[in-house]
Amino acid sequence: MSINNPYIVLFFAIFTAVISQILFRFGVGNIGEINLSKSTFPNEILKIITSVPIICGLVFYSFGFLAWMSAMSKLGLSYVYPFTSLNYILVLIFSWIIFEEPLSLIKWLGILIIIIGIFLASRG
């Protein structure tokens, strides 16, 4: 089965990038603060690469990378790249919903500006 619609592939790439960030956050939440000093580096890396949510996030990231390459090959970088701004919006919203991170009025205004920017960039 192949998906020939480059827009579906593009939004799949965006979706997988967002899911991977959420999984990375779950992984970091399980690990705790990461300190990459000389003395703790090997131990910290081991904790990161053995975290199931982080491994799952990397798998999603890999599928997203493949989808991104496909979308970019069909639509061109200058067209698809502005759509990566949707990642910021979706990560902000999911972080607010899932992790109860604050989503201030200023952030909502930023989301609106990003949406306007994506609209304008996709028309140009």
PDB file of N, CA and C in Angstrom:
ATOM      1  N   MET A   1       0.838  -1.181   0.000  1.00  0.00           N
ATOM      2  CA  MET A   1       0.000   0.000   0.000  1.00  0.00           C
ATOM      3  C   MET A   1       0.883   1.246   0.000  1.00  0.00           C
ATOM      4  N   SER A   2       0.538   2.183  -0.833  1.00  0.00           N
ATOM      5  CA  SER A   2       1.296   3.425  -0.857  1.00  0.00           C
ATOM      6  C   SER A   2       0.341   4.603  -0.710  1.00  0.00           C
ATOM      7  N   ILE A   3       0.874   5.646  -0.117  1.00  0.00           N
ATOM      8  CA  ILE A   3       0.094   6.877   0.039  1.00  0.00           C
ATOM      9  C   ILE A   3       0.688   7.882  -0.933  1.00  0.00           C
ATOM     10  N   ASN A   4      -0.084   8.238  -1.926  1.00  0.00           N
ATOM     11  CA  ASN A   4       0.418   9.118  -2.971  1.00  0.00           C
ATOM     12  C   ASN A   4       0.115  10.589  -2.724  1.00  0.00           C
ATOM     13  N   ASN A   5      -0.769  10.877  -1.795  1.00  0.00           N
ATOM     14  CA  ASN A   5      -1.128  12.263  -1.533  1.00  0.00           C
ATOM     15  C   ASN A   5      -0.043  12.896  -0.658  1.00  0.00           C
ATOM     16  N   PRO A   6       0.737  13.837  -1.216  1.00  0.00           N
ATOM     17  CA  PRO A   6       1.841  14.419  -0.450  1.00  0.00           C
ATOM     18  C   PRO A   6       1.378  15.224   0.768  1.00  0.00           C
ATOM     19  N   TYR A   7       0.143  15.709   0.740  1.00  0.00           N
ATOM     20  CA  TYR A   7      -0.362  16.469   1.884  1.00  0.00           C
ATOM     21  C   TYR A   7      -0.638  15.554   3.072  1.00  0.00           C
ATOM     22  N   ILE A   8      -1.151  14.373   2.802  1.00  0.00           N
ATOM     23  CA  ILE A   8      -1.347  13.387   3.872  1.00  0.00           C
ATOM     24  C   ILE A   8       0.002  12.988   4.448  1.00  0.00           C
ATOM     25  N   VAL A   9       0.977  12.791   3.578  1.00  0.00           N
ATOM     26  CA  VAL A   9       2.325  12.430   4.025  1.00  0.00           C
ATOM     27  C   VAL A   9       2.927  13.561   4.858  1.00  0.00           C
ATOM     28  N   LEU A  10       2.733  14.802   4.426  1.00  0.00           N
ATOM     29  CA  LEU A  10       3.244  15.957   5.170  1.00  0.00           C
ATOM     30  C   LEU A  10       2.625  16.022   6.568  1.00  0.00           C
ATOM     31  N   PHE A  11       1.318  15.856   6.656  1.00  0.00           N
ATOM     32  CA  PHE A  11       0.670  15.936   7.968  1.00  0.00           C
ATOM     33  C   PHE A  11       1.000  14.716   8.834  1.00  0.00           C
ATOM     34  N   PHE A  12       1.275  13.583   8.206  1.00  0.00           N
ATOM     35  CA  PHE A  12       1.769  12.429   8.967  1.00  0.00           C
ATOM     36  C   PHE A  12       3.136  12.759   9.571  1.00  0.00           C
ATOM     37  N   ALA A  13       3.993  13.409   8.797  1.00  0.00           N
ATOM     38  CA  ALA A  13       5.320  13.797   9.298  1.00  0.00           C
ATOM     39  C   ALA A  13       5.185  14.756  10.480  1.00  0.00           C
ATOM     40  N   ILE A  14       4.276  15.701  10.379  1.00  0.00           N
ATOM     41  CA  ILE A  14       4.053  16.654  11.467  1.00  0.00           C
ATOM     42  C   ILE A  14       3.506  15.926  12.692  1.00  0.00           C
ATOM     43  N   PHE A  15       2.526  15.061  12.481  1.00  0.00           N
ATOM     44  CA  PHE A  15       1.915  14.303  13.570  1.00  0.00           C
ATOM     45  C   PHE A  15       2.957  13.446  14.299  1.00  0.00           C
ATOM     46  N   THR A  16       3.801  12.750  13.550  1.00  0.00           N
ATOM     47  CA  THR A  16       4.798  11.893  14.190  1.00  0.00           C
ATOM     48  C   THR A  16       5.850  12.710  14.934  1.00  0.00           C
ATOM     49  N   ALA A  17       6.171  13.887  14.435  1.00  0.00           N
ATOM     50  CA  ALA A  17       7.125  14.752  15.138  1.00  0.00           C
ATOM     51  C   ALA A  17       6.548  15.191  16.479  1.00  0.00           C
ATOM     52  N   VAL A  18       5.274  15.529  16.493  1.00  0.00           N
ATOM     53  CA  VAL A  18       4.623  15.956  17.733  1.00  0.00           C
ATOM     54  C   VAL A  18       4.524  14.789  18.710  1.00  0.00           C
ATOM     55  N   ILE A  19       4.093  13.642  18.232  1.00  0.00           N
ATOM     56  CA  ILE A  19       3.992  12.451  19.095  1.00  0.00           C
ATOM     57  C   ILE A  19       5.355  12.108  19.675  1.00  0.00           C
ATOM     58  N   SER A  20       6.403  12.206  18.865  1.00  0.00           N
ATOM     59  CA  SER A  20       7.743  11.889  19.366  1.00  0.00           C
ATOM     60  C   SER A  20       8.146  12.846  20.481  1.00  0.00           C
ATOM     61  N   GLN A  21       7.824  14.133  20.357  1.00  0.00           N
ATOM     62  CA  GLN A  21       8.153  15.088  21.412  1.00  0.00           C
ATOM     63  C   GLN A  21       7.390  14.779  22.701  1.00  0.00           C
ATOM     64  N   ILE A  22       6.142  14.390  22.573  1.00  0.00           N
ATOM     65  CA  ILE A  22       5.346  14.025  23.751  1.00  0.00           C
ATOM     66  C   ILE A  22       5.956  12.786  24.412  1.00  0.00           C
ATOM     67  N   LEU A  23       6.350  11.811  23.618  1.00  0.00           N
ATOM     68  CA  LEU A  23       6.978  10.606  24.172  1.00  0.00           C
ATOM     69  C   LEU A  23       8.320  10.932  24.827  1.00  0.00           C
ATOM     70  N   PHE A  24       9.098  11.825  24.201  1.00  0.00           N
ATOM     71  CA  PHE A  24      10.368  12.242  24.818  1.00  0.00           C
ATOM     72  C   PHE A  24      10.103  12.880  26.183  1.00  0.00           C
ATOM     73  N   ARG A  25       9.058  13.699  26.257  1.00  0.00           N
ATOM     74  CA  ARG A  25       8.725  14.361  27.525  1.00  0.00           C
ATOM     75  C   ARG A  25       8.317  13.338  28.582  1.00  0.00           C
ATOM     76  N   PHE A  26       7.527  12.326  28.192  1.00  0.00           N
ATOM     77  CA  PHE A  26       7.186  11.257  29.129  1.00  0.00           C
ATOM     78  C   PHE A  26       8.451  10.558  29.618  1.00  0.00           C
ATOM     79  N   GLY A  27       9.366  10.276  28.679  1.00  0.00           N
ATOM     80  CA  GLY A  27      10.616   9.613  29.038  1.00  0.00           C
ATOM     81  C   GLY A  27      11.443  10.428  30.011  1.00  0.00           C
ATOM     82  N   VAL A  28      11.577  11.702  29.735  1.00  0.00           N
ATOM     83  CA  VAL A  28      12.342  12.581  30.617  1.00  0.00           C
ATOM     84  C   VAL A  28      11.650  12.692  31.973  1.00  0.00           C
ATOM     85  N   GLY A  29      10.331  12.706  31.951  1.00  0.00           N
ATOM     86  CA  GLY A  29       9.588  12.741  33.204  1.00  0.00           C
ATOM     87  C   GLY A  29       9.869  11.521  34.066  1.00  0.00           C
ATOM     88  N   ASN A  30      10.033  10.379  33.423  1.00  0.00           N
ATOM     89  CA  ASN A  30      10.355   9.143  34.155  1.00  0.00           C
ATOM     90  C   ASN A  30      11.793   9.139  34.647  1.00  0.00           C
ATOM     91  N   ILE A  31      12.696   9.674  33.852  1.00  0.00           N
ATOM     92  CA  ILE A  31      14.123   9.665  34.187  1.00  0.00           C
ATOM     93  C   ILE A  31      14.435  10.700  35.267  1.00  0.00           C
ATOM     94  N   GLY A  32      13.841  11.854  35.139  1.00  0.00           N
ATOM     95  CA  GLY A  32      14.174  12.972  36.031  1.00  0.00           C
ATOM     96  C   GLY A  32      15.174  13.879  35.339  1.00  0.00           C
ATOM     97  N   GLU A  33      15.714  14.797  36.098  1.00  0.00           N
ATOM     98  CA  GLU A  33      16.657  15.770  35.542  1.00  0.00           C
ATOM     99  C   GLU A  33      17.879  15.054  34.961  1.00  0.00           C
ATOM    100  N   ILE A  34      18.281  15.487  33.780  1.00  0.00           N
ATOM    101  CA  ILE A  34      19.434  14.896  33.097  1.00  0.00           C
ATOM    102  C   ILE A  34      20.608  15.850  33.221  1.00  0.00           C
ATOM    103  N   ASN A  35      21.709  15.350  33.747  1.00  0.00           N
ATOM    104  CA  ASN A  35      22.918  16.145  33.924  1.00  0.00           C
ATOM    105  C   ASN A  35      24.027  15.506  33.095  1.00  0.00           C
ATOM    106  N   LEU A  36      24.486  16.201  32.082  1.00  0.00           N
ATOM    107  CA  LEU A  36      25.483  15.628  31.170  1.00  0.00           C
ATOM    108  C   LEU A  36      26.900  16.102  31.488  1.00  0.00           C
ATOM    109  N   SER A  37      27.259  16.083  32.747  1.00  0.00           N
ATOM    110  CA  SER A  37      28.628  16.430  33.127  1.00  0.00           C
ATOM    111  C   SER A  37      29.540  15.239  32.835  1.00  0.00           C
ATOM    112  N   LYS A  38      30.844  15.449  32.878  1.00  0.00           N
ATOM    113  CA  LYS A  38      31.800  14.381  32.591  1.00  0.00           C
ATOM    114  C   LYS A  38      31.559  13.147  33.451  1.00  0.00           C
ATOM    115  N   SER A  39      31.341  13.358  34.719  1.00  0.00           N
ATOM    116  CA  SER A  39      31.237  12.221  35.635  1.00  0.00           C
ATOM    117  C   SER A  39      29.929  11.441  35.476  1.00  0.00           C
ATOM    118  N   THR A  40      28.850  12.107  35.039  1.00  0.00           N
ATOM    119  CA  THR A  40      27.555  11.425  34.951  1.00  0.00           C
ATOM    120  C   THR A  40      27.157  11.068  33.515  1.00  0.00           C
ATOM    121  N   PHE A  41      27.929  11.515  32.549  1.00  0.00           N
ATOM    122  CA  PHE A  41      27.560  11.353  31.137  1.00  0.00           C
ATOM    123  C   PHE A  41      27.216   9.907  30.763  1.00  0.00           C
ATOM    124  N   PRO A  42      28.091   8.928  31.022  1.00  0.00           N
ATOM    125  CA  PRO A  42      27.757   7.548  30.613  1.00  0.00           C
ATOM    126  C   PRO A  42      26.467   7.031  31.264  1.00  0.00           C
ATOM    127  N   ASN A  43      26.300   7.324  32.530  1.00  0.00           N
ATOM    128  CA  ASN A  43      25.112   6.880  33.244  1.00  0.00           C
ATOM    129  C   ASN A  43      23.841   7.523  32.699  1.00  0.00           C
ATOM    130  N   GLU A  44      23.917   8.804  32.414  1.00  0.00           N
ATOM    131  CA  GLU A  44      22.759   9.539  31.896  1.00  0.00           C
ATOM    132  C   GLU A  44      22.381   9.046  30.502  1.00  0.00           C
ATOM    133  N   ILE A  45      23.385   8.825  29.669  1.00  0.00           N
ATOM    134  CA  ILE A  45      23.123   8.316  28.317  1.00  0.00           C
ATOM    135  C   ILE A  45      22.460   6.950  28.398  1.00  0.00           C
ATOM    136  N   LEU A  46      22.914   6.108  29.286  1.00  0.00           N
ATOM    137  CA  LEU A  46      22.324   4.779  29.469  1.00  0.00           C
ATOM    138  C   LEU A  46      20.855   4.897  29.885  1.00  0.00           C
ATOM    139  N   LYS A  47      20.563   5.814  30.797  1.00  0.00           N
ATOM    140  CA  LYS A  47      19.170   6.024  31.211  1.00  0.00           C
ATOM    141  C   LYS A  47      18.318   6.490  30.030  1.00  0.00           C
ATOM    142  N   ILE A  48      18.872   7.351  29.203  1.00  0.00           N
ATOM    143  CA  ILE A  48      18.110   7.879  28.062  1.00  0.00           C
ATOM    144  C   ILE A  48      17.847   6.786  27.035  1.00  0.00           C
ATOM    145  N   ILE A  49      18.882   6.042  26.664  1.00  0.00           N
ATOM    146  CA  ILE A  49      18.712   5.060  25.578  1.00  0.00           C
ATOM    147  C   ILE A  49      17.990   3.783  26.015  1.00  0.00           C
ATOM    148  N   THR A  50      17.742   3.630  27.312  1.00  0.00           N
ATOM    149  CA  THR A  50      16.977   2.462  27.775  1.00  0.00           C
ATOM    150  C   THR A  50      15.561   2.847  28.213  1.00  0.00           C
ATOM    151  N   SER A  51      15.189   4.105  28.028  1.00  0.00           N
ATOM    152  CA  SER A  51      13.845   4.550  28.373  1.00  0.00           C
ATOM    153  C   SER A  51      12.870   4.150  27.268  1.00  0.00           C
ATOM    154  N   VAL A  52      11.857   3.387  27.619  1.00  0.00           N
ATOM    155  CA  VAL A  52      10.884   2.918  26.624  1.00  0.00           C
ATOM    156  C   VAL A  52      10.180   4.079  25.913  1.00  0.00           C
ATOM    157  N   PRO A  53       9.688   5.082  26.639  1.00  0.00           N
ATOM    158  CA  PRO A  53       9.049   6.192  25.908  1.00  0.00           C
ATOM    159  C   PRO A  53      10.006   6.907  24.951  1.00  0.00           C
ATOM    160  N   ILE A  54      11.259   7.050  25.350  1.00  0.00           N
ATOM    161  CA  ILE A  54      12.227   7.710  24.466  1.00  0.00           C
ATOM    162  C   ILE A  54      12.518   6.850  23.250  1.00  0.00           C
ATOM    163  N   ILE A  55      12.644   5.556  23.433  1.00  0.00           N
ATOM    164  CA  ILE A  55      12.848   4.647  22.292  1.00  0.00           C
ATOM    165  C   ILE A  55      11.650   4.721  21.346  1.00  0.00           C
ATOM    166  N   CYS A  56      10.440   4.695  21.905  1.00  0.00           N
ATOM    167  CA  CYS A  56       9.233   4.817  21.074  1.00  0.00           C
ATOM    168  C   CYS A  56       9.209   6.163  20.342  1.00  0.00           C
ATOM    169  N   GLY A  57       9.631   7.216  21.041  1.00  0.00           N
ATOM    170  CA  GLY A  57       9.708   8.531  20.416  1.00  0.00           C
ATOM    171  C   GLY A  57      10.663   8.546  19.236  1.00  0.00           C
ATOM    172  N   LEU A  58      11.786   7.861  19.391  1.00  0.00           N
ATOM    173  CA  LEU A  58      12.753   7.779  18.289  1.00  0.00           C
ATOM    174  C   LEU A  58      12.187   7.001  17.101  1.00  0.00           C
ATOM    175  N   VAL A  59      11.400   5.975  17.379  1.00  0.00           N
ATOM    176  CA  VAL A  59      10.759   5.214  16.293  1.00  0.00           C
ATOM    177  C   VAL A  59       9.786   6.121  15.541  1.00  0.00           C
ATOM    178  N   PHE A  60       8.940   6.833  16.283  1.00  0.00           N
ATOM    179  CA  PHE A  60       8.016   7.780  15.642  1.00  0.00           C
ATOM    180  C   PHE A  60       8.784   8.836  14.856  1.00  0.00           C
ATOM    181  N   TYR A  61       9.859   9.337  15.436  1.00  0.00           N
ATOM    182  CA  TYR A  61      10.682  10.345  14.778  1.00  0.00           C
ATOM    183  C   TYR A  61      11.240   9.815  13.455  1.00  0.00           C
ATOM    184  N   SER A  62      11.642   8.542  13.454  1.00  0.00           N
ATOM    185  CA  SER A  62      12.188   7.920  12.242  1.00  0.00           C
ATOM    186  C   SER A  62      11.133   7.814  11.150  1.00  0.00           C
ATOM    187  N   PHE A  63       9.921   7.382  11.516  1.00  0.00           N
ATOM    188  CA  PHE A  63       8.842   7.321  10.526  1.00  0.00           C
ATOM    189  C   PHE A  63       8.506   8.721  10.010  1.00  0.00           C
ATOM    190  N   GLY A  64       8.516   9.673  10.910  1.00  0.00           N
ATOM    191  CA  GLY A  64       8.266  11.054  10.508  1.00  0.00           C
ATOM    192  C   GLY A  64       9.329  11.577   9.555  1.00  0.00           C
ATOM    193  N   PHE A  65      10.583  11.204   9.822  1.00  0.00           N
ATOM    194  CA  PHE A  65      11.684  11.605   8.938  1.00  0.00           C
ATOM    195  C   PHE A  65      11.457  11.073   7.527  1.00  0.00           C
ATOM    196  N   LEU A  66      11.068   9.809   7.427  1.00  0.00           N
ATOM    197  CA  LEU A  66      10.816   9.219   6.106  1.00  0.00           C
ATOM    198  C   LEU A  66       9.652   9.924   5.401  1.00  0.00           C
ATOM    199  N   ALA A  67       8.597  10.203   6.164  1.00  0.00           N
ATOM    200  CA  ALA A  67       7.459  10.913   5.576  1.00  0.00           C
ATOM    201  C   ALA A  67       7.868  12.318   5.145  1.00  0.00           C
ATOM    202  N   TRP A  68       8.695  12.962   5.967  1.00  0.00           N
ATOM    203  CA  TRP A  68       9.176  14.312   5.653  1.00  0.00           C
ATOM    204  C   TRP A  68       9.964  14.307   4.345  1.00  0.00           C
ATOM    205  N   MET A  69      10.834  13.339   4.170  1.00  0.00           N
ATOM    206  CA  MET A  69      11.617  13.242   2.939  1.00  0.00           C
ATOM    207  C   MET A  69      10.698  13.085   1.728  1.00  0.00           C
ATOM    208  N   SER A  70       9.666  12.258   1.883  1.00  0.00           N
ATOM    209  CA  SER A  70       8.716  12.042   0.794  1.00  0.00           C
ATOM    210  C   SER A  70       7.951  13.325   0.469  1.00  0.00           C
ATOM    211  N   ALA A  71       7.431  13.997   1.500  1.00  0.00           N
ATOM    212  CA  ALA A  71       6.670  15.232   1.274  1.00  0.00           C
ATOM    213  C   ALA A  71       7.543  16.300   0.639  1.00  0.00           C
ATOM    214  N   MET A  72       8.765  16.416   1.138  1.00  0.00           N
ATOM    215  CA  MET A  72       9.671  17.433   0.616  1.00  0.00           C
ATOM    216  C   MET A  72      10.029  17.153  -0.847  1.00  0.00           C
ATOM    217  N   SER A  73      10.150  15.874  -1.197  1.00  0.00           N
ATOM    218  CA  SER A  73      10.510  15.541  -2.578  1.00  0.00           C
ATOM    219  C   SER A  73       9.376  15.860  -3.555  1.00  0.00           C
ATOM    220  N   LYS A  74       8.148  15.874  -3.045  1.00  0.00           N
ATOM    221  CA  LYS A  74       6.994  16.112  -3.928  1.00  0.00           C
ATOM    222  C   LYS A  74       6.528  17.566  -3.936  1.00  0.00           C
ATOM    223  N   LEU A  75       6.681  18.245  -2.785  1.00  0.00           N
ATOM    224  CA  LEU A  75       6.135  19.597  -2.680  1.00  0.00           C
ATOM    225  C   LEU A  75       7.199  20.688  -2.628  1.00  0.00           C
ATOM    226  N   GLY A  76       8.424  20.319  -2.332  1.00  0.00           N
ATOM    227  CA  GLY A  76       9.504  21.302  -2.256  1.00  0.00           C
ATOM    228  C   GLY A  76       9.664  21.846  -0.837  1.00  0.00           C
ATOM    229  N   LEU A  77      10.900  22.127  -0.478  1.00  0.00           N
ATOM    230  CA  LEU A  77      11.234  22.572   0.863  1.00  0.00           C
ATOM    231  C   LEU A  77      10.580  23.905   1.226  1.00  0.00           C
ATOM    232  N   SER A  78      10.603  24.863   0.308  1.00  0.00           N
ATOM    233  CA  SER A  78      10.065  26.189   0.632  1.00  0.00           C
ATOM    234  C   SER A  78       8.559  26.151   0.877  1.00  0.00           C
ATOM    235  N   TYR A  79       7.891  25.125   0.373  1.00  0.00           N
ATOM    236  CA  TYR A  79       6.458  24.991   0.623  1.00  0.00           C
ATOM    237  C   TYR A  79       6.200  24.234   1.923  1.00  0.00           C
ATOM    238  N   VAL A  80       6.885  23.106   2.134  1.00  0.00           N
ATOM    239  CA  VAL A  80       6.571  22.265   3.297  1.00  0.00           C
ATOM    240  C   VAL A  80       7.150  22.795   4.605  1.00  0.00           C
ATOM    241  N   TYR A  81       8.273  23.480   4.553  1.00  0.00           N
ATOM    242  CA  TYR A  81       8.932  23.860   5.794  1.00  0.00           C
ATOM    243  C   TYR A  81       8.089  24.762   6.697  1.00  0.00           C
ATOM    244  N   PRO A  82       7.365  25.740   6.172  1.00  0.00           N
ATOM    245  CA  PRO A  82       6.523  26.546   7.064  1.00  0.00           C
ATOM    246  C   PRO A  82       5.498  25.721   7.851  1.00  0.00           C
ATOM    247  N   PHE A  83       5.099  24.587   7.305  1.00  0.00           N
ATOM    248  CA  PHE A  83       4.135  23.740   7.999  1.00  0.00           C
ATOM    249  C   PHE A  83       4.716  23.096   9.261  1.00  0.00           C
ATOM    250  N   THR A  84       6.038  23.068   9.371  1.00  0.00           N
ATOM    251  CA  THR A  84       6.627  22.524  10.601  1.00  0.00           C
ATOM    252  C   THR A  84       6.281  23.406  11.797  1.00  0.00           C
ATOM    253  N   SER A  85       5.859  24.629  11.534  1.00  0.00           N
ATOM    254  CA  SER A  85       5.419  25.500  12.623  1.00  0.00           C
ATOM    255  C   SER A  85       4.198  24.938  13.332  1.00  0.00           C
ATOM    256  N   LEU A  86       3.454  24.077  12.648  1.00  0.00           N
ATOM    257  CA  LEU A  86       2.337  23.402  13.307  1.00  0.00           C
ATOM    258  C   LEU A  86       2.828  22.557  14.476  1.00  0.00           C
ATOM    259  N   ASN A  87       4.076  22.084  14.394  1.00  0.00           N
ATOM    260  CA  ASN A  87       4.653  21.319  15.499  1.00  0.00           C
ATOM    261  C   ASN A  87       4.628  22.145  16.779  1.00  0.00           C
ATOM    262  N   TYR A  88       5.013  23.416  16.692  1.00  0.00           N
ATOM    263  CA  TYR A  88       5.026  24.286  17.868  1.00  0.00           C
ATOM    264  C   TYR A  88       3.628  24.396  18.475  1.00  0.00           C
ATOM    265  N   ILE A  89       2.667  24.613  17.607  1.00  0.00           N
ATOM    266  CA  ILE A  89       1.292  24.776  18.073  1.00  0.00           C
ATOM    267  C   ILE A  89       0.802  23.504  18.756  1.00  0.00           C
ATOM    268  N   LEU A  90       0.978  22.380  18.080  1.00  0.00           N
ATOM    269  CA  LEU A  90       0.458  21.125  18.620  1.00  0.00           C
ATOM    270  C   LEU A  90       1.191  20.697  19.884  1.00  0.00           C
ATOM    271  N   VAL A  91       2.494  20.909  19.935  1.00  0.00           N
ATOM    272  CA  VAL A  91       3.242  20.564  21.148  1.00  0.00           C
ATOM    273  C   VAL A  91       2.792  21.442  22.314  1.00  0.00           C
ATOM    274  N   LEU A  92       2.587  22.734  22.067  1.00  0.00           N
ATOM    275  CA  LEU A  92       2.081  23.620  23.125  1.00  0.00           C
ATOM    276  C   LEU A  92       0.729  23.143  23.652  1.00  0.00           C
ATOM    277  N   ILE A  93      -0.172  22.827  22.742  1.00  0.00           N
ATOM    278  CA  ILE A  93      -1.519  22.423  23.151  1.00  0.00           C
ATOM    279  C   ILE A  93      -1.496  21.077  23.875  1.00  0.00           C
ATOM    280  N   PHE A  94      -0.764  20.099  23.327  1.00  0.00           N
ATOM    281  CA  PHE A  94      -0.694  18.795  23.986  1.00  0.00           C
ATOM    282  C   PHE A  94       0.037  18.873  25.328  1.00  0.00           C
ATOM    283  N   SER A  95       1.037  19.731  25.425  1.00  0.00           N
ATOM    284  CA  SER A  95       1.738  19.907  26.709  1.00  0.00           C
ATOM    285  C   SER A  95       0.798  20.497  27.749  1.00  0.00           C
ATOM    286  N   TRP A  96      -0.059  21.380  27.302  1.00  0.00           N
ATOM    287  CA  TRP A  96      -1.049  21.979  28.186  1.00  0.00           C
ATOM    288  C   TRP A  96      -2.059  20.925  28.651  1.00  0.00           C
ATOM    289  N   ILE A  97      -2.540  20.096  27.707  1.00  0.00           N
ATOM    290  CA  ILE A  97      -3.555  19.091  28.025  1.00  0.00           C
ATOM    291  C   ILE A  97      -2.969  17.928  28.834  1.00  0.00           C
ATOM    292  N   ILE A  98      -1.853  17.378  28.367  1.00  0.00           N
ATOM    293  CA  ILE A  98      -1.314  16.155  28.959  1.00  0.00           C
ATOM    294  C   ILE A  98      -0.488  16.423  30.212  1.00  0.00           C
ATOM    295  N   PHE A  99       0.403  17.411  30.139  1.00  0.00           N
ATOM    296  CA  PHE A  99       1.341  17.665  31.236  1.00  0.00           C
ATOM    297  C   PHE A  99       0.924  18.836  32.127  1.00  0.00           C
ATOM    298  N   GLU A 100      -0.208  19.448  31.769  1.00  0.00           N
ATOM    299  CA  GLU A 100      -0.728  20.592  32.506  1.00  0.00           C
ATOM    300  C   GLU A 100       0.278  21.735  32.599  1.00  0.00           C
ATOM    301  N   GLU A 101       1.048  21.902  31.521  1.00  0.00           N
ATOM    302  CA  GLU A 101       1.968  23.034  31.449  1.00  0.00           C
ATOM    303  C   GLU A 101       1.163  24.287  31.123  1.00  0.00           C
ATOM    304  N   PRO A 102       1.585  25.429  31.630  1.00  0.00           N
ATOM    305  CA  PRO A 102       0.788  26.644  31.417  1.00  0.00           C
ATOM    306  C   PRO A 102       0.722  27.060  29.950  1.00  0.00           C
ATOM    307  N   LEU A 103      -0.432  27.551  29.563  1.00  0.00           N
ATOM    308  CA  LEU A 103      -0.639  28.078  28.210  1.00  0.00           C
ATOM    309  C   LEU A 103      -1.265  29.461  28.371  1.00  0.00           C
ATOM    310  N   SER A 104      -0.399  30.448  28.441  1.00  0.00           N
ATOM    311  CA  SER A 104      -0.815  31.818  28.735  1.00  0.00           C
ATOM    312  C   SER A 104      -1.460  32.479  27.523  1.00  0.00           C
ATOM    313  N   LEU A 105      -2.026  33.632  27.770  1.00  0.00           N
ATOM    314  CA  LEU A 105      -2.619  34.434  26.702  1.00  0.00           C
ATOM    315  C   LEU A 105      -1.568  34.790  25.648  1.00  0.00           C
ATOM    316  N   ILE A 106      -0.366  35.067  26.083  1.00  0.00           N
ATOM    317  CA  ILE A 106       0.729  35.400  25.149  1.00  0.00           C
ATOM    318  C   ILE A 106       1.022  34.203  24.242  1.00  0.00           C
ATOM    319  N   LYS A 107       1.013  33.000  24.803  1.00  0.00           N
ATOM    320  CA  LYS A 107       1.246  31.811  23.973  1.00  0.00           C
ATOM    321  C   LYS A 107       0.112  31.614  22.977  1.00  0.00           C
ATOM    322  N   TRP A 108      -1.137  31.850  23.408  1.00  0.00           N
ATOM    323  CA  TRP A 108      -2.263  31.762  22.482  1.00  0.00           C
ATOM    324  C   TRP A 108      -2.117  32.787  21.349  1.00  0.00           C
ATOM    325  N   LEU A 109      -1.647  33.974  21.677  1.00  0.00           N
ATOM    326  CA  LEU A 109      -1.400  34.989  20.662  1.00  0.00           C
ATOM    327  C   LEU A 109      -0.300  34.512  19.702  1.00  0.00           C
ATOM    328  N   GLY A 110       0.729  33.912  20.252  1.00  0.00           N
ATOM    329  CA  GLY A 110       1.794  33.354  19.414  1.00  0.00           C
ATOM    330  C   GLY A 110       1.267  32.284  18.471  1.00  0.00           C
ATOM    331  N   ILE A 111       0.364  31.437  18.973  1.00  0.00           N
ATOM    332  CA  ILE A 111      -0.254  30.402  18.127  1.00  0.00           C
ATOM    333  C   ILE A 111      -0.999  31.054  16.971  1.00  0.00           C
ATOM    334  N   LEU A 112      -1.750  32.097  17.258  1.00  0.00           N
ATOM    335  CA  LEU A 112      -2.490  32.807  16.212  1.00  0.00           C
ATOM    336  C   LEU A 112      -1.538  33.390  15.162  1.00  0.00           C
ATOM    337  N   ILE A 113      -0.450  33.981  15.613  1.00  0.00           N
ATOM    338  CA  ILE A 113       0.529  34.554  14.686  1.00  0.00           C
ATOM    339  C   ILE A 113       1.163  33.460  13.826  1.00  0.00           C
ATOM    340  N   ILE A 114       1.459  32.309  14.426  1.00  0.00           N
ATOM    341  CA  ILE A 114       2.029  31.192  13.661  1.00  0.00           C
ATOM    342  C   ILE A 114       1.048  30.732  12.587  1.00  0.00           C
ATOM    343  N   ILE A 115      -0.221  30.610  12.956  1.00  0.00           N
ATOM    344  CA  ILE A 115      -1.233  30.174  11.984  1.00  0.00           C
ATOM    345  C   ILE A 115      -1.312  31.161  10.823  1.00  0.00           C
ATOM    346  N   ILE A 116      -1.298  32.441  11.125  1.00  0.00           N
ATOM    347  CA  ILE A 116      -1.315  33.453  10.060  1.00  0.00           C
ATOM    348  C   ILE A 116      -0.065  33.322   9.189  1.00  0.00           C
ATOM    349  N   GLY A 117       1.081  33.112   9.826  1.00  0.00           N
ATOM    350  CA  GLY A 117       2.332  32.945   9.078  1.00  0.00           C
ATOM    351  C   GLY A 117       2.311  31.743   8.146  1.00  0.00           C
ATOM    352  N   ILE A 118       1.781  30.621   8.642  1.00  0.00           N
ATOM    353  CA  ILE A 118       1.680  29.421   7.801  1.00  0.00           C
ATOM    354  C   ILE A 118       0.781  29.694   6.607  1.00  0.00           C
ATOM    355  N   PHE A 119      -0.354  30.343   6.871  1.00  0.00           N
ATOM    356  CA  PHE A 119      -1.285  30.673   5.788  1.00  0.00           C
ATOM    357  C   PHE A 119      -0.617  31.535   4.732  1.00  0.00           C
ATOM    358  N   LEU A 120       0.074  32.578   5.170  1.00  0.00           N
ATOM    359  CA  LEU A 120       0.730  33.483   4.217  1.00  0.00           C
ATOM    360  C   LEU A 120       1.852  32.792   3.457  1.00  0.00           C
ATOM    361  N   ALA A 121       2.660  31.992   4.167  1.00  0.00           N
ATOM    362  CA  ALA A 121       3.789  31.321   3.525  1.00  0.00           C
ATOM    363  C   ALA A 121       3.308  30.282   2.500  1.00  0.00           C
ATOM    364  N   SER A 122       2.192  29.647   2.779  1.00  0.00           N
ATOM    365  CA  SER A 122       1.695  28.617   1.849  1.00  0.00           C
ATOM    366  C   SER A 122       1.063  29.231   0.602  1.00  0.00           C
ATOM    367  N   ARG A 123       0.755  30.508   0.677  1.00  0.00           N
ATOM    368  CA  ARG A 123       0.161  31.199  -0.478  1.00  0.00           C
ATOM    369  C   ARG A 123       1.218  31.805  -1.396  1.00  0.00           C
ATOM    370  N   GLY A 124       2.417  31.982  -0.912  1.00  0.00           N
ATOM    371  CA  GLY A 124       3.444  32.697  -1.648  1.00  0.00           C
ATOM    372  C   GLY A 124       4.175  31.945  -2.673  1.00  0.00           C
TER     373      GLY A 124
END
